[in-house]
Amino acid sequence: MRSSFPLYENIAETAPVVKAINDAGYDAHPLIRVGVTVSAGEEIGEHFGLLLGAERSYYEDVMNLDEHIVEGAFFTPGEESTQVILGKTLATDVGAKLGEEVLFLGQTQDGSISPIKGVLVGIVDADDALSNRQAYASLERLRYLTDIPDGAIEVAVRVGDPARAPEVAAVLRESPALKPYLVQAWSERPLFATISDMTGLVYGVLAGSIVFITALGVLNTMLMSVLERTSEVGVLRALGMGRAAVVFLFVVEALVIGVLGALPGVVLGAIVSFFLERDGVEMGEKVSAQVSMPISTTFRADLSLEVTLISFALGLSMAALGALLPSIRAAGIQPVDAMRSHR
């Protein structure tokens, strides 16, 4: 039993809730999640997992579970109540084989011990560490296990674009039939909000470090390039070129060099990012088996035009800034003193 979904805080009758959501133009799916011990055979096992109960449409249309079967098959129509599917990691831990009976020991909503059995018909690899540690059964079987005959722990709403979830949640909160219930977007729930904040912090630190190191390299290169040519500045000033013109000349030169350097860098980075976005980098079986959060077991890049343009503009800005500061200093030196300089 998960603390965020206590069984005693359930929706006793999901039919009115589902109808209200359908009337608002969205698909609704009653779900029951419960912590269980899992074993293959008659003996009570020592392996813990999360058992999910849902309708067939949820598994097919939302989770696309049928597309991730790596062994066996998906639920047989009309026989879902006697069948179960295990995530790849959980199946390996339990040692369950296809066609074998799997025993789940959970609780009812009042805390009583409650067992159910099911024949293992499929093993799924969902490219998600948490999903691979779960078991999947019909909503009917989970209602029996938890003693919630017509209800569920939650009702999931299918939203095409995940970014629209807060907007949809706000609309559903206005429905009179849903007023007694807590309506939250996935991004507003404590677990996902924490993960999102943590992920944003990690990404920010990594991106900031990379940008700082890169910018420092560009800035240092341009600073040395201008400072070492102080005598040239003196010659230009002696020939009648004004301070502003000298500064402008060095900044334009830096921008040209920046463009010539940034273009190949952006193209090369985009090519690498494209392949990382398409194929990703696998965490590996041993690493992913230790992860208990709903994150993908494959790390992928996120290539976007916005990030590409920002990177390009940042490179040019650092080049211009690296030339601007020393050129202003050099242009302020008297021509005679500048030409006598050894730099």
Protein backbone atom coordinates (compact mmCIF):
# COMPACT_ATOMS: atom_id res chain seq x y z
CA MET A 1 0.00 0.00 0.00
CA ARG A 2 1.42 3.37 -0.97
CA SER A 3 1.16 6.21 1.52
CA SER A 4 0.15 8.56 -1.30
CA PHE A 5 -2.78 6.24 -2.16
CA PRO A 6 -4.16 4.76 1.07
CA LEU A 7 -6.78 2.14 0.26
CA TYR A 8 -9.26 3.51 2.77
CA GLU A 9 -9.33 6.81 0.87
CA ASN A 10 -10.96 5.44 -2.24
CA ILE A 11 -13.66 6.42 -4.69
CA ALA A 12 -16.45 4.04 -3.71
CA GLU A 13 -18.44 4.55 -6.93
CA THR A 14 -16.40 5.41 -10.01
CA ALA A 15 -19.31 5.39 -12.47
CA PRO A 16 -20.51 8.98 -11.70
CA VAL A 17 -16.91 10.25 -11.78
CA VAL A 18 -16.19 8.59 -15.12
CA LYS A 19 -19.44 9.96 -16.56
CA ALA A 20 -18.64 13.52 -15.44
CA ILE A 21 -15.19 13.34 -17.03
CA ASN A 22 -16.58 11.83 -20.23
CA ASP A 23 -19.21 14.57 -20.39
CA ALA A 24 -16.40 17.11 -20.23
CA GLY A 25 -14.89 15.51 -23.34
CA TYR A 26 -12.09 13.41 -21.83
CA ASP A 27 -11.40 9.70 -21.43
CA ALA A 28 -11.42 8.39 -17.86
CA HIS A 29 -9.81 5.23 -16.51
CA PRO A 30 -10.38 3.91 -12.96
CA LEU A 31 -7.15 2.57 -11.41
CA ILE A 32 -6.19 0.64 -8.31
CA ARG A 33 -2.57 0.41 -7.18
CA VAL A 34 -1.57 -1.65 -4.19
CA GLY A 35 1.68 -2.89 -2.72
CA VAL A 36 1.93 -6.68 -2.68
CA THR A 37 4.32 -9.54 -2.10
CA VAL A 38 4.82 -11.57 -5.26
CA SER A 39 5.70 -15.24 -5.61
CA ALA A 40 5.58 -17.92 -8.27
CA GLY A 41 3.76 -20.98 -6.91
CA GLU A 42 2.04 -21.58 -3.60
CA GLU A 43 4.54 -20.18 -1.09
CA ILE A 44 4.42 -16.58 0.06
CA GLY A 45 7.25 -14.69 -1.58
CA GLU A 46 9.75 -12.22 -0.21
CA HIS A 47 9.67 -9.95 -3.24
CA PHE A 48 7.65 -6.77 -3.04
CA GLY A 49 6.11 -5.01 -6.00
CA LEU A 50 3.33 -2.70 -7.06
CA LEU A 51 0.23 -4.32 -8.53
CA LEU A 52 -1.81 -2.20 -10.93
CA GLY A 53 -5.41 -2.93 -11.81
CA ALA A 54 -6.94 -1.20 -14.81
CA GLU A 55 -9.25 -1.73 -17.74
CA ARG A 56 -7.89 -3.17 -20.96
CA SER A 57 -8.33 0.17 -22.74
CA TYR A 58 -5.97 1.86 -20.27
CA TYR A 59 -3.24 -0.70 -20.83
CA GLU A 60 -3.61 -0.47 -24.62
CA ASP A 61 -4.38 3.20 -25.28
CA VAL A 62 -2.54 4.97 -22.46
CA MET A 63 0.33 2.71 -21.40
CA ASN A 64 0.73 0.94 -24.77
CA LEU A 65 1.57 -2.13 -22.72
CA ASP A 66 0.71 -4.47 -25.58
CA GLU A 67 3.52 -2.94 -27.66
CA HIS A 68 6.17 -3.68 -25.02
CA ILE A 69 5.61 -7.42 -24.53
CA VAL A 70 8.99 -9.17 -24.78
CA GLU A 71 7.84 -12.65 -23.76
CA GLY A 72 4.47 -14.32 -24.02
CA ALA A 73 1.41 -12.32 -25.06
CA PHE A 74 -0.98 -9.59 -23.99
CA PHE A 75 -4.21 -10.29 -22.08
CA THR A 76 -6.58 -12.64 -23.90
CA PRO A 77 -9.95 -10.93 -24.52
CA GLY A 78 -12.53 -12.19 -22.04
CA GLU A 79 -9.95 -13.93 -19.84
CA GLU A 80 -8.28 -10.88 -18.24
CA SER A 81 -9.61 -11.75 -14.78
CA THR A 82 -7.51 -14.94 -14.64
CA GLN A 83 -4.32 -13.53 -16.21
CA VAL A 84 -1.46 -11.28 -15.10
CA ILE A 85 1.51 -9.61 -16.74
CA LEU A 86 4.78 -8.87 -14.95
CA GLY A 87 7.41 -6.23 -15.57
CA LYS A 88 10.72 -7.65 -16.74
CA THR A 89 12.66 -6.79 -13.56
CA LEU A 90 9.96 -8.14 -11.23
CA ALA A 91 9.62 -11.36 -13.25
CA THR A 92 13.39 -11.91 -13.01
CA ASP A 93 13.43 -11.26 -9.26
CA VAL A 94 10.54 -13.64 -8.61
CA GLY A 95 11.73 -16.25 -11.08
CA ALA A 96 8.27 -16.54 -12.65
CA LYS A 97 7.82 -18.46 -15.91
CA LEU A 98 5.15 -18.08 -18.56
CA GLY A 99 2.10 -20.22 -17.86
CA GLU A 100 2.95 -20.39 -14.16
CA GLU A 101 0.55 -19.27 -11.44
CA VAL A 102 1.64 -16.10 -9.64
CA LEU A 103 0.45 -15.34 -6.11
CA PHE A 104 -0.08 -11.76 -4.90
CA LEU A 105 -0.60 -11.06 -1.23
CA GLY A 106 -2.03 -7.61 -0.50
CA GLN A 107 -4.61 -5.90 1.70
CA THR A 108 -8.24 -4.92 1.59
CA GLN A 109 -9.28 -1.35 2.28
CA ASP A 110 -9.82 -2.19 5.97
CA GLY A 111 -6.30 -3.68 6.32
CA SER A 112 -7.17 -7.39 6.15
CA ILE A 113 -4.77 -9.73 4.34
CA SER A 114 -6.05 -10.57 0.88
CA PRO A 115 -4.52 -12.90 -1.75
CA ILE A 116 -5.21 -13.32 -5.46
CA LYS A 117 -3.72 -15.56 -8.12
CA GLY A 118 -3.24 -15.21 -11.83
CA VAL A 119 -1.62 -17.09 -14.68
CA LEU A 120 1.43 -15.31 -16.06
CA VAL A 121 0.76 -14.74 -19.77
CA GLY A 122 3.29 -12.02 -20.59
CA ILE A 123 6.43 -10.19 -19.52
CA VAL A 124 6.81 -6.54 -20.44
CA ASP A 125 9.82 -4.28 -20.87
CA ALA A 126 8.36 -0.77 -20.84
CA ASP A 127 11.67 1.16 -20.97
CA ASP A 128 10.72 2.53 -17.57
CA ALA A 129 12.42 1.39 -14.37
CA LEU A 130 9.25 1.67 -12.27
CA SER A 131 6.98 -0.02 -14.83
CA ASN A 132 9.39 -2.95 -15.08
CA ARG A 133 9.02 -3.53 -11.33
CA GLN A 134 5.21 -3.62 -11.47
CA ALA A 135 2.61 -6.30 -12.07
CA TYR A 136 -0.51 -5.77 -14.16
CA ALA A 137 -3.95 -7.30 -13.72
CA SER A 138 -7.56 -6.50 -14.51
CA LEU A 139 -9.47 -3.85 -12.58
CA GLU A 140 -11.99 -6.55 -11.62
CA ARG A 141 -9.31 -8.62 -9.83
CA LEU A 142 -7.93 -5.60 -7.96
CA ARG A 143 -11.41 -4.63 -6.84
CA TYR A 144 -11.77 -8.11 -5.40
CA LEU A 145 -8.36 -7.96 -3.69
CA THR A 146 -8.95 -4.55 -2.09
CA ASP A 147 -12.66 -5.13 -1.39
CA ILE A 148 -13.73 -2.05 -3.32
CA PRO A 149 -16.49 -3.64 -5.46
CA ASP A 150 -17.44 -0.67 -7.64
CA GLY A 151 -14.69 1.82 -6.96
CA ALA A 152 -11.04 2.64 -7.43
CA ILE A 153 -8.19 4.48 -5.75
CA GLU A 154 -8.04 7.07 -8.49
CA VAL A 155 -9.44 7.89 -11.91
CA ALA A 156 -6.86 8.79 -14.53
CA VAL A 157 -7.78 11.26 -17.26
CA ARG A 158 -6.21 10.90 -20.67
CA VAL A 159 -4.79 14.18 -22.01
CA GLY A 160 -3.21 14.31 -25.46
CA ASP A 161 -0.54 16.84 -24.56
CA PRO A 162 0.94 16.35 -21.05
CA ALA A 163 1.63 20.09 -20.87
CA ARG A 164 -2.14 20.70 -20.92
CA ALA A 165 -2.73 18.63 -17.78
CA PRO A 166 -2.93 21.63 -15.36
CA GLU A 167 -5.40 23.34 -17.71
CA VAL A 168 -7.60 20.22 -17.94
CA ALA A 169 -7.45 19.75 -14.16
CA ALA A 170 -8.65 23.31 -13.65
CA VAL A 171 -11.61 22.68 -15.97
CA LEU A 172 -12.59 19.43 -14.23
CA ARG A 173 -12.44 21.07 -10.79
CA GLU A 174 -15.40 23.20 -11.87
CA SER A 175 -17.58 20.14 -12.51
CA PRO A 176 -20.21 19.81 -9.72
CA ALA A 177 -19.90 16.01 -9.78
CA LEU A 178 -16.16 16.25 -9.08
CA LYS A 179 -16.30 18.84 -6.30
CA PRO A 180 -15.99 16.21 -3.51
CA TYR A 181 -12.78 14.82 -5.01
CA LEU A 182 -9.20 15.98 -5.25
CA VAL A 183 -8.43 16.80 -8.90
CA GLN A 184 -4.73 17.18 -9.70
CA ALA A 185 -2.60 17.30 -12.81
CA TRP A 186 0.21 14.75 -12.92
CA SER A 187 2.75 17.55 -12.52
CA GLU A 188 0.99 18.77 -9.34
CA ARG A 189 1.20 15.46 -7.49
CA PRO A 190 3.88 15.35 -4.77
CA LEU A 191 6.02 12.57 -6.30
CA PHE A 192 6.17 14.05 -9.79
CA ALA A 193 6.52 17.62 -8.51
CA THR A 194 9.54 16.56 -6.44
CA ILE A 195 11.10 14.69 -9.36
CA SER A 196 10.44 17.64 -11.67
CA ASP A 197 12.08 20.10 -9.28
CA MET A 198 15.05 17.79 -8.76
CA THR A 199 15.44 17.17 -12.49
CA GLY A 200 15.23 20.89 -13.23
CA LEU A 201 17.91 21.61 -10.62
CA VAL A 202 20.25 18.93 -12.01
CA TYR A 203 19.72 20.12 -15.58
CA GLY A 204 20.31 23.71 -14.50
CA VAL A 205 23.57 22.89 -12.73
CA LEU A 206 24.85 20.80 -15.65
CA ALA A 207 23.84 23.34 -18.28
CA GLY A 208 25.25 26.21 -16.23
CA SER A 209 28.57 24.41 -15.75
CA ILE A 210 28.90 23.60 -19.44
CA VAL A 211 27.98 27.14 -20.47
CA PHE A 212 30.38 28.66 -17.94
CA ILE A 213 33.33 26.52 -19.01
CA THR A 214 32.64 27.09 -22.72
CA ALA A 215 32.11 30.82 -22.27
CA LEU A 216 35.29 31.08 -20.21
CA GLY A 217 37.26 29.39 -22.98
CA VAL A 218 35.90 31.72 -25.66
CA LEU A 219 36.34 34.77 -23.47
CA ASN A 220 39.94 33.88 -22.60
CA THR A 221 40.84 33.23 -26.24
CA MET A 222 39.51 36.59 -27.41
CA LEU A 223 41.08 38.45 -24.47
CA MET A 224 44.53 37.08 -25.29
CA SER A 225 44.02 37.69 -29.00
CA VAL A 226 43.35 41.39 -28.48
CA LEU A 227 45.85 42.01 -25.65
CA GLU A 228 48.69 40.51 -27.70
CA ARG A 229 48.00 43.00 -30.50
CA THR A 230 48.26 46.20 -28.50
CA SER A 231 51.03 47.44 -30.79
CA GLU A 232 48.71 47.02 -33.78
CA VAL A 233 46.20 49.21 -32.00
CA GLY A 234 48.91 51.86 -31.66
CA VAL A 235 49.62 51.73 -35.41
CA LEU A 236 45.94 52.06 -36.24
CA ARG A 237 45.55 54.97 -33.85
CA ALA A 238 48.68 56.66 -35.30
CA LEU A 239 47.15 56.37 -38.80
CA GLY A 240 44.18 58.39 -37.58
CA MET A 241 41.67 55.74 -36.61
CA GLY A 242 39.50 56.83 -33.69
CA ARG A 243 38.99 54.88 -30.47
CA ALA A 244 35.44 53.88 -31.35
CA ALA A 245 36.55 52.68 -34.77
CA VAL A 246 39.30 50.52 -33.24
CA VAL A 247 36.87 48.97 -30.78
CA PHE A 248 34.34 48.39 -33.58
CA LEU A 249 37.00 46.76 -35.77
CA PHE A 250 38.00 44.26 -33.09
CA VAL A 251 34.41 43.45 -32.16
CA VAL A 252 33.49 42.80 -35.82
CA GLU A 253 36.57 40.60 -36.18
CA ALA A 254 35.54 38.67 -33.06
CA LEU A 255 32.01 38.21 -34.41
CA VAL A 256 33.33 36.86 -37.71
CA ILE A 257 35.60 34.42 -35.87
CA GLY A 258 32.68 33.53 -33.60
CA VAL A 259 30.40 32.77 -36.55
CA LEU A 260 33.08 30.65 -38.24
CA GLY A 261 33.58 28.72 -35.02
CA ALA A 262 29.97 28.53 -33.86
CA LEU A 263 28.44 27.26 -37.11
CA PRO A 264 30.48 24.04 -37.31
CA GLY A 265 30.04 23.57 -33.55
CA VAL A 266 26.27 23.93 -33.73
CA VAL A 267 26.00 21.61 -36.74
CA LEU A 268 28.20 18.96 -35.13
CA GLY A 269 26.33 19.26 -31.82
CA ALA A 270 22.95 19.00 -33.59
CA ILE A 271 24.05 15.82 -35.41
CA VAL A 272 25.21 14.19 -32.18
CA SER A 273 22.05 15.32 -30.37
CA PHE A 274 19.87 13.91 -33.16
CA PHE A 275 21.32 10.43 -32.76
CA LEU A 276 21.19 10.66 -28.95
CA GLU A 277 17.55 11.73 -29.15
CA ARG A 278 16.68 8.91 -31.54
CA ASP A 279 18.68 6.05 -30.00
CA GLY A 280 19.56 7.26 -26.50
CA VAL A 281 22.00 5.71 -24.04
CA GLU A 282 20.90 2.65 -22.07
CA MET A 283 21.44 2.73 -18.32
CA GLY A 284 22.03 -1.03 -18.27
CA GLU A 285 20.18 -3.83 -16.51
CA LYS A 286 21.99 -3.56 -13.17
CA VAL A 287 21.59 0.20 -12.90
CA SER A 288 17.95 0.37 -14.02
CA ALA A 289 17.00 -2.46 -11.64
CA GLN A 290 17.99 -0.24 -8.69
CA VAL A 291 15.88 2.71 -9.83
CA SER A 292 12.44 2.97 -8.24
CA MET A 293 11.24 6.16 -9.89
CA PRO A 294 9.09 6.55 -13.02
CA ILE A 295 11.94 7.53 -15.32
CA SER A 296 13.05 6.02 -18.57
CA THR A 297 15.87 3.48 -18.50
CA THR A 298 17.22 5.11 -21.66
CA PHE A 299 18.72 8.60 -21.48
CA ARG A 300 17.93 10.67 -24.55
CA ALA A 301 18.92 14.11 -25.76
CA ASP A 302 16.30 16.79 -26.40
CA LEU A 303 17.18 18.60 -29.61
CA SER A 304 15.27 21.84 -30.17
CA LEU A 305 15.65 24.89 -32.39
CA GLU A 306 15.40 27.18 -29.36
CA VAL A 307 18.37 25.59 -27.57
CA THR A 308 20.40 25.55 -30.81
CA LEU A 309 19.83 29.26 -31.43
CA ILE A 310 20.59 30.14 -27.80
CA SER A 311 23.87 28.21 -27.99
CA PHE A 312 24.83 29.99 -31.20
CA ALA A 313 23.93 33.41 -29.81
CA LEU A 314 25.79 32.70 -26.56
CA GLY A 315 28.98 31.83 -28.46
CA LEU A 316 28.80 35.07 -30.43
CA SER A 317 28.08 37.09 -27.30
CA MET A 318 31.08 35.67 -25.46
CA ALA A 319 33.33 36.32 -28.47
CA ALA A 320 32.13 39.93 -28.74
CA LEU A 321 32.48 40.50 -25.00
CA GLY A 322 35.95 38.96 -25.02
CA ALA A 323 37.04 41.42 -27.71
CA LEU A 324 35.16 44.45 -26.40
CA LEU A 325 36.76 44.79 -22.97
CA PRO A 326 40.46 44.57 -23.96
CA SER A 327 39.94 46.61 -27.14
CA ILE A 328 38.44 49.47 -25.11
CA ARG A 329 41.47 49.32 -22.82
CA ALA A 330 43.93 49.16 -25.71
CA ALA A 331 42.22 51.96 -27.63
CA GLY A 332 42.61 54.22 -24.60
CA ILE A 333 46.42 53.91 -24.63
CA GLN A 334 48.38 56.68 -26.37
CA PRO A 335 49.54 55.58 -29.85
CA VAL A 336 53.24 56.02 -28.99
CA ASP A 337 52.92 53.93 -25.83
CA ALA A 338 50.89 51.28 -27.68
CA MET A 339 53.50 50.94 -30.47
CA ARG A 340 56.27 50.58 -27.87
CA SER A 341 54.39 47.73 -26.28
CA HIS A 342 55.87 44.28 -26.73
CA ARG A 343 52.41 42.84 -27.25
